[in-house]
All heavy atoms as atom14 arrays in JSON, in Angstrom:
{
  "sequence": "HLIFFPNGTWKKVGSDGKTITITFFNGDVKQVM",
  "atom14_mask": [
    [1, 1, 1, 1, 1, 1, 1, 1, 1, 1, 0, 0, 0, 0],
    [1, 1, 1, 1, 1, 1, 1, 1, 0, 0, 0, 0, 0, 0],
    [1, 1, 1, 1, 1, 1, 1, 1, 0, 0, 0, 0, 0, 0],
    [1, 1, 1, 1, 1, 1, 1, 1, 1, 1, 1, 0, 0, 0],
    [1, 1, 1, 1, 1, 1, 1, 1, 1, 1, 1, 0, 0, 0],
    [1, 1, 1, 1, 1, 1, 1, 0, 0, 0, 0, 0, 0, 0],
    [1, 1, 1, 1, 1, 1, 1, 1, 0, 0, 0, 0, 0, 0],
    [1, 1, 1, 1, 0, 0, 0, 0, 0, 0, 0, 0, 0, 0],
    [1, 1, 1, 1, 1, 1, 1, 0, 0, 0, 0, 0, 0, 0],
    [1, 1, 1, 1, 1, 1, 1, 1, 1, 1, 1, 1, 1, 1],
    [1, 1, 1, 1, 1, 1, 1, 1, 1, 0, 0, 0, 0, 0],
    [1, 1, 1, 1, 1, 1, 1, 1, 1, 0, 0, 0, 0, 0],
    [1, 1, 1, 1, 1, 1, 1, 0, 0, 0, 0, 0, 0, 0],
    [1, 1, 1, 1, 0, 0, 0, 0, 0, 0, 0, 0, 0, 0],
    [1, 1, 1, 1, 1, 1, 0, 0, 0, 0, 0, 0, 0, 0],
    [1, 1, 1, 1, 1, 1, 1, 1, 0, 0, 0, 0, 0, 0],
    [1, 1, 1, 1, 0, 0, 0, 0, 0, 0, 0, 0, 0, 0],
    [1, 1, 1, 1, 1, 1, 1, 1, 1, 0, 0, 0, 0, 0],
    [1, 1, 1, 1, 1, 1, 1, 0, 0, 0, 0, 0, 0, 0],
    [1, 1, 1, 1, 1, 1, 1, 1, 0, 0, 0, 0, 0, 0],
    [1, 1, 1, 1, 1, 1, 1, 0, 0, 0, 0, 0, 0, 0],
    [1, 1, 1, 1, 1, 1, 1, 1, 0, 0, 0, 0, 0, 0],
    [1, 1, 1, 1, 1, 1, 1, 0, 0, 0, 0, 0, 0, 0],
    [1, 1, 1, 1, 1, 1, 1, 1, 1, 1, 1, 0, 0, 0],
    [1, 1, 1, 1, 1, 1, 1, 1, 1, 1, 1, 0, 0, 0],
    [1, 1, 1, 1, 1, 1, 1, 1, 0, 0, 0, 0, 0, 0],
    [1, 1, 1, 1, 0, 0, 0, 0, 0, 0, 0, 0, 0, 0],
    [1, 1, 1, 1, 1, 1, 1, 1, 0, 0, 0, 0, 0, 0],
    [1, 1, 1, 1, 1, 1, 1, 0, 0, 0, 0, 0, 0, 0],
    [1, 1, 1, 1, 1, 1, 1, 1, 1, 0, 0, 0, 0, 0],
    [1, 1, 1, 1, 1, 1, 1, 1, 1, 0, 0, 0, 0, 0],
    [1, 1, 1, 1, 1, 1, 1, 0, 0, 0, 0, 0, 0, 0],
    [1, 1, 1, 1, 1, 1, 1, 1, 0, 0, 0, 0, 0, 0]
  ],
  "atom14_positions": [
    [[11.39, 4.58, 23.61], [11.84, 3.22, 23.25], [10.59, 2.35, 23.13], [9.74, 2.37, 24.02], [12.73, 2.62, 24.35], [14.08, 3.22, 24.42], [15.22, 2.52, 24.16], [14.49, 4.5, 24.73], [16.27, 3.31, 24.31], [15.85, 4.51, 24.66], [0.0, 0.0, 0.0], [0.0, 0.0, 0.0], [0.0, 0.0, 0.0], [0.0, 0.0, 0.0]],
    [[10.51, 1.58, 22.05], [9.44, 0.62, 21.87], [10.08, -0.75, 21.81], [11.02, -0.97, 21.05], [8.66, 0.88, 20.58], [8.01, 2.26, 20.42], [7.37, 2.39, 19.05], [6.97, 2.48, 21.5], [0.0, 0.0, 0.0], [0.0, 0.0, 0.0], [0.0, 0.0, 0.0], [0.0, 0.0, 0.0], [0.0, 0.0, 0.0], [0.0, 0.0, 0.0]],
    [[9.57, -1.68, 22.65], [10.12, -3.03, 22.67], [8.97, -3.99, 22.38], [7.95, -3.98, 23.07], [10.77, -3.35, 24.03], [11.86, -2.31, 24.32], [11.34, -4.76, 24.04], [12.21, -2.17, 25.77], [0.0, 0.0, 0.0], [0.0, 0.0, 0.0], [0.0, 0.0, 0.0], [0.0, 0.0, 0.0], [0.0, 0.0, 0.0], [0.0, 0.0, 0.0]],
    [[9.14, -4.78, 21.33], [8.11, -5.73, 20.92], [8.58, -7.14, 21.24], [9.68, -7.52, 20.87], [7.84, -5.59, 19.41], [7.32, -4.23, 19.05], [8.21, -3.2, 18.72], [5.97, -3.96, 19.04], [7.74, -1.93, 18.4], [5.5, -2.7, 18.72], [6.38, -1.68, 18.4], [0.0, 0.0, 0.0], [0.0, 0.0, 0.0], [0.0, 0.0, 0.0]],
    [[7.74, -7.91, 21.95], [8.08, -9.27, 22.35], [7.39, -10.26, 21.41], [6.32, -9.96, 20.87], [7.66, -9.51, 23.8], [8.37, -8.6, 24.77], [7.85, -7.35, 25.1], [9.58, -8.98, 25.34], [8.51, -6.52, 25.98], [10.25, -8.15, 26.22], [9.72, -6.91, 26.54], [0.0, 0.0, 0.0], [0.0, 0.0, 0.0], [0.0, 0.0, 0.0]],
    [[7.94, -11.45, 21.24], [7.38, -12.44, 20.32], [5.94, -12.85, 20.64], [5.2, -13.21, 19.74], [8.32, -13.64, 20.46], [9.57, -13.11, 21.03], [9.19, -11.9, 21.85], [0.0, 0.0, 0.0], [0.0, 0.0, 0.0], [0.0, 0.0, 0.0], [0.0, 0.0, 0.0], [0.0, 0.0, 0.0], [0.0, 0.0, 0.0], [0.0, 0.0, 0.0]],
    [[5.53, -12.78, 21.91], [4.18, -13.22, 22.28], [3.11, -12.17, 22.0], [1.94, -12.37, 22.3], [4.13, -13.65, 23.75], [4.3, -12.49, 24.71], [4.55, -11.35, 24.32], [4.18, -12.79, 26.0], [0.0, 0.0, 0.0], [0.0, 0.0, 0.0], [0.0, 0.0, 0.0], [0.0, 0.0, 0.0], [0.0, 0.0, 0.0], [0.0, 0.0, 0.0]],
    [[3.5, -10.99, 21.46], [2.53, -9.94, 21.15], [2.5, -8.82, 22.18], [1.89, -7.78, 21.96], [0.0, 0.0, 0.0], [0.0, 0.0, 0.0], [0.0, 0.0, 0.0], [0.0, 0.0, 0.0], [0.0, 0.0, 0.0], [0.0, 0.0, 0.0], [0.0, 0.0, 0.0], [0.0, 0.0, 0.0], [0.0, 0.0, 0.0], [0.0, 0.0, 0.0]],
    [[3.16, -9.0, 23.3], [3.27, -7.94, 24.31], [4.26, -6.9, 23.8], [5.22, -7.22, 23.13], [3.77, -8.53, 25.65], [2.78, -9.44, 26.13], [4.02, -7.46, 26.69], [0.0, 0.0, 0.0], [0.0, 0.0, 0.0], [0.0, 0.0, 0.0], [0.0, 0.0, 0.0], [0.0, 0.0, 0.0], [0.0, 0.0, 0.0], [0.0, 0.0, 0.0]],
    [[3.98, -5.63, 24.1], [4.95, -4.59, 23.76], [5.03, -3.54, 24.85], [4.1, -3.36, 25.62], [4.68, -3.97, 22.38], [3.37, -3.25, 22.22], [2.15, -3.79, 22.03], [3.19, -1.83, 22.22], [1.2, -2.81, 21.91], [1.82, -1.59, 22.03], [4.03, -0.74, 22.37], [1.27, -0.32, 21.97], [3.49, 0.53, 22.3], [2.13, 0.73, 22.11]],
    [[6.18, -2.91, 24.93], [6.48, -1.96, 26.01], [6.95, -0.65, 25.4], [7.75, -0.63, 24.46], [7.58, -2.56, 26.88], [8.05, -1.71, 28.03], [9.11, -2.51, 28.82], [9.64, -1.77, 30.0], [10.6, -2.58, 30.77], [0.0, 0.0, 0.0], [0.0, 0.0, 0.0], [0.0, 0.0, 0.0], [0.0, 0.0, 0.0], [0.0, 0.0, 0.0]],
    [[6.42, 0.44, 25.95], [6.84, 1.78, 25.52], [7.44, 2.49, 26.72], [6.79, 2.62, 27.76], [5.66, 2.58, 24.97], [6.04, 4.0, 24.57], [4.82, 4.77, 24.07], [5.21, 6.19, 23.68], [4.04, 6.96, 23.23], [0.0, 0.0, 0.0], [0.0, 0.0, 0.0], [0.0, 0.0, 0.0], [0.0, 0.0, 0.0], [0.0, 0.0, 0.0]],
    [[8.68, 2.93, 26.59], [9.33, 3.72, 27.63], [9.39, 5.14, 27.09], [9.98, 5.4, 26.05], [10.74, 3.18, 27.95], [11.4, 4.03, 29.03], [10.68, 1.73, 28.38], [0.0, 0.0, 0.0], [0.0, 0.0, 0.0], [0.0, 0.0, 0.0], [0.0, 0.0, 0.0], [0.0, 0.0, 0.0], [0.0, 0.0, 0.0], [0.0, 0.0, 0.0]],
    [[8.77, 6.07, 27.82], [8.71, 7.45, 27.38], [10.1, 8.08, 27.34], [11.05, 7.58, 27.92], [0.0, 0.0, 0.0], [0.0, 0.0, 0.0], [0.0, 0.0, 0.0], [0.0, 0.0, 0.0], [0.0, 0.0, 0.0], [0.0, 0.0, 0.0], [0.0, 0.0, 0.0], [0.0, 0.0, 0.0], [0.0, 0.0, 0.0], [0.0, 0.0, 0.0]],
    [[10.18, 9.21, 26.66], [11.47, 9.89, 26.51], [12.04, 10.34, 27.85], [13.25, 10.52, 27.99], [11.33, 11.09, 25.56], [10.3, 11.95, 26.04], [0.0, 0.0, 0.0], [0.0, 0.0, 0.0], [0.0, 0.0, 0.0], [0.0, 0.0, 0.0], [0.0, 0.0, 0.0], [0.0, 0.0, 0.0], [0.0, 0.0, 0.0], [0.0, 0.0, 0.0]],
    [[11.18, 10.47, 28.88], [11.65, 10.84, 30.22], [12.26, 9.63, 30.95], [12.87, 9.78, 32.01], [10.51, 11.43, 31.06], [9.35, 10.46, 31.3], [9.43, 9.28, 30.86], [8.36, 10.88, 31.91], [0.0, 0.0, 0.0], [0.0, 0.0, 0.0], [0.0, 0.0, 0.0], [0.0, 0.0, 0.0], [0.0, 0.0, 0.0], [0.0, 0.0, 0.0]],
    [[12.07, 8.43, 30.41], [12.6, 7.22, 31.03], [11.81, 6.76, 32.23], [12.11, 5.72, 32.83], [0.0, 0.0, 0.0], [0.0, 0.0, 0.0], [0.0, 0.0, 0.0], [0.0, 0.0, 0.0], [0.0, 0.0, 0.0], [0.0, 0.0, 0.0], [0.0, 0.0, 0.0], [0.0, 0.0, 0.0], [0.0, 0.0, 0.0], [0.0, 0.0, 0.0]],
    [[10.78, 7.52, 32.61], [10.0, 7.2, 33.81], [8.58, 6.77, 33.51], [7.94, 6.14, 34.33], [9.96, 8.43, 34.74], [11.31, 8.82, 35.29], [11.19, 10.07, 36.15], [12.55, 10.5, 36.68], [12.46, 11.76, 37.42], [0.0, 0.0, 0.0], [0.0, 0.0, 0.0], [0.0, 0.0, 0.0], [0.0, 0.0, 0.0], [0.0, 0.0, 0.0]],
    [[8.08, 7.15, 32.34], [6.72, 6.78, 31.96], [6.81, 5.51, 31.13], [7.42, 5.5, 30.06], [6.06, 7.91, 31.15], [6.14, 9.12, 31.9], [4.6, 7.59, 30.86], [0.0, 0.0, 0.0], [0.0, 0.0, 0.0], [0.0, 0.0, 0.0], [0.0, 0.0, 0.0], [0.0, 0.0, 0.0], [0.0, 0.0, 0.0], [0.0, 0.0, 0.0]],
    [[6.19, 4.44, 31.66], [6.29, 3.15, 31.0], [4.88, 2.61, 30.77], [4.04, 2.63, 31.68], [7.1, 2.15, 31.86], [8.51, 2.68, 32.09], [7.12, 0.77, 31.23], [9.29, 1.95, 33.17], [0.0, 0.0, 0.0], [0.0, 0.0, 0.0], [0.0, 0.0, 0.0], [0.0, 0.0, 0.0], [0.0, 0.0, 0.0], [0.0, 0.0, 0.0]],
    [[4.62, 2.14, 29.55], [3.35, 1.51, 29.24], [3.64, 0.13, 28.66], [4.42, 0.02, 27.71], [2.55, 2.34, 28.21], [2.35, 3.66, 28.74], [1.19, 1.71, 27.93], [0.0, 0.0, 0.0], [0.0, 0.0, 0.0], [0.0, 0.0, 0.0], [0.0, 0.0, 0.0], [0.0, 0.0, 0.0], [0.0, 0.0, 0.0], [0.0, 0.0, 0.0]],
    [[3.02, -0.89, 29.25], [3.16, -2.25, 28.75], [1.78, -2.71, 28.3], [0.83, -2.68, 29.08], [3.71, -3.21, 29.82], [5.06, -2.71, 30.34], [3.83, -4.63, 29.25], [5.55, -3.43, 31.58], [0.0, 0.0, 0.0], [0.0, 0.0, 0.0], [0.0, 0.0, 0.0], [0.0, 0.0, 0.0], [0.0, 0.0, 0.0], [0.0, 0.0, 0.0]],
    [[1.67, -3.07, 27.04], [0.42, -3.6, 26.51], [0.62, -5.1, 26.32], [1.44, -5.51, 25.49], [0.04, -2.91, 25.19], [-0.01, -1.5, 25.41], [-1.31, -3.39, 24.67], [0.0, 0.0, 0.0], [0.0, 0.0, 0.0], [0.0, 0.0, 0.0], [0.0, 0.0, 0.0], [0.0, 0.0, 0.0], [0.0, 0.0, 0.0], [0.0, 0.0, 0.0]],
    [[-0.11, -5.88, 27.1], [0.06, -7.33, 27.09], [-0.74, -7.97, 25.95], [-1.71, -7.4, 25.47], [-0.37, -7.92, 28.43], [0.51, -7.47, 29.57], [0.17, -6.37, 30.34], [1.69, -8.14, 29.87], [0.98, -5.94, 31.39], [2.51, -7.73, 30.91], [2.15, -6.62, 31.67], [0.0, 0.0, 0.0], [0.0, 0.0, 0.0], [0.0, 0.0, 0.0]],
    [[-0.33, -9.15, 25.58], [-0.97, -9.88, 24.48], [-2.45, -10.14, 24.72], [-3.23, -10.27, 23.8], [-0.24, -11.21, 24.21], [-0.3, -12.17, 25.35], [-1.32, -13.09, 25.46], [0.68, -12.15, 26.34], [-1.37, -13.98, 26.53], [0.64, -13.03, 27.4], [-0.4, -13.95, 27.5], [0.0, 0.0, 0.0], [0.0, 0.0, 0.0], [0.0, 0.0, 0.0]],
    [[-2.89, -10.2, 26.0], [-4.29, -10.46, 26.32], [-5.14, -9.19, 26.37], [-6.31, -9.24, 26.71], [-4.4, -11.22, 27.64], [-3.92, -10.41, 28.83], [-3.42, -9.3, 28.69], [-4.06, -10.99, 30.01], [0.0, 0.0, 0.0], [0.0, 0.0, 0.0], [0.0, 0.0, 0.0], [0.0, 0.0, 0.0], [0.0, 0.0, 0.0], [0.0, 0.0, 0.0]],
    [[-4.54, -8.03, 26.09], [-5.28, -6.76, 26.1], [-5.1, -5.96, 27.38], [-5.49, -4.8, 27.44], [0.0, 0.0, 0.0], [0.0, 0.0, 0.0], [0.0, 0.0, 0.0], [0.0, 0.0, 0.0], [0.0, 0.0, 0.0], [0.0, 0.0, 0.0], [0.0, 0.0, 0.0], [0.0, 0.0, 0.0], [0.0, 0.0, 0.0], [0.0, 0.0, 0.0]],
    [[-4.53, -6.57, 28.43], [-4.26, -5.82, 29.66], [-3.23, -4.73, 29.37], [-2.37, -4.9, 28.5], [-3.7, -6.73, 30.76], [-4.73, -7.69, 31.34], [-5.87, -7.73, 30.85], [-4.37, -8.42, 32.29], [0.0, 0.0, 0.0], [0.0, 0.0, 0.0], [0.0, 0.0, 0.0], [0.0, 0.0, 0.0], [0.0, 0.0, 0.0], [0.0, 0.0, 0.0]],
    [[-3.31, -3.61, 30.1], [-2.37, -2.52, 29.93], [-1.89, -2.06, 31.31], [-2.7, -1.8, 32.2], [-3.01, -1.31, 29.19], [-2.01, -0.17, 29.04], [-3.53, -1.74, 27.82], [0.0, 0.0, 0.0], [0.0, 0.0, 0.0], [0.0, 0.0, 0.0], [0.0, 0.0, 0.0], [0.0, 0.0, 0.0], [0.0, 0.0, 0.0], [0.0, 0.0, 0.0]],
    [[-0.57, -1.98, 31.47], [0.01, -1.49, 32.71], [0.78, -0.22, 32.4], [1.62, -0.19, 31.49], [0.96, -2.53, 33.3], [1.66, -2.08, 34.58], [2.6, -3.16, 35.1], [3.31, -2.73, 36.36], [4.2, -3.8, 36.86], [0.0, 0.0, 0.0], [0.0, 0.0, 0.0], [0.0, 0.0, 0.0], [0.0, 0.0, 0.0], [0.0, 0.0, 0.0]],
    [[0.48, 0.84, 33.17], [1.2, 2.11, 33.01], [1.89, 2.44, 34.32], [1.28, 2.33, 35.39], [0.24, 3.25, 32.66], [-0.4, 3.11, 31.3], [-1.36, 4.26, 31.07], [-2.43, 4.3, 31.65], [-0.96, 5.19, 30.22], [0.0, 0.0, 0.0], [0.0, 0.0, 0.0], [0.0, 0.0, 0.0], [0.0, 0.0, 0.0], [0.0, 0.0, 0.0]],
    [[3.15, 2.85, 34.24], [3.87, 3.35, 35.4], [4.16, 4.82, 35.11], [4.77, 5.14, 34.09], [5.17, 2.57, 35.65], [5.9, 3.12, 36.87], [4.89, 1.08, 35.82], [0.0, 0.0, 0.0], [0.0, 0.0, 0.0], [0.0, 0.0, 0.0], [0.0, 0.0, 0.0], [0.0, 0.0, 0.0], [0.0, 0.0, 0.0], [0.0, 0.0, 0.0]],
    [[3.68, 5.69, 36.0], [3.83, 7.12, 35.8], [5.12, 7.62, 36.49], [5.67, 6.94, 37.35], [2.61, 7.86, 36.36], [1.27, 7.3, 35.86], [1.16, 7.11, 34.08], [0.71, 8.76, 33.62], [0.0, 0.0, 0.0], [0.0, 0.0, 0.0], [0.0, 0.0, 0.0], [0.0, 0.0, 0.0], [0.0, 0.0, 0.0], [0.0, 0.0, 0.0]]
  ]
}
C-alpha cells in the first residue's frame, strides 16, 4: 500500500503488513520492521 499525503509525506506498507516506511516531506525517513 502506498499512501501519499498533501504535504509531500508518503507511507509504504509492505505486503506483509508489518514493514512500514514513512518518507517525510523534510527528507526524514522512518522504517518499522
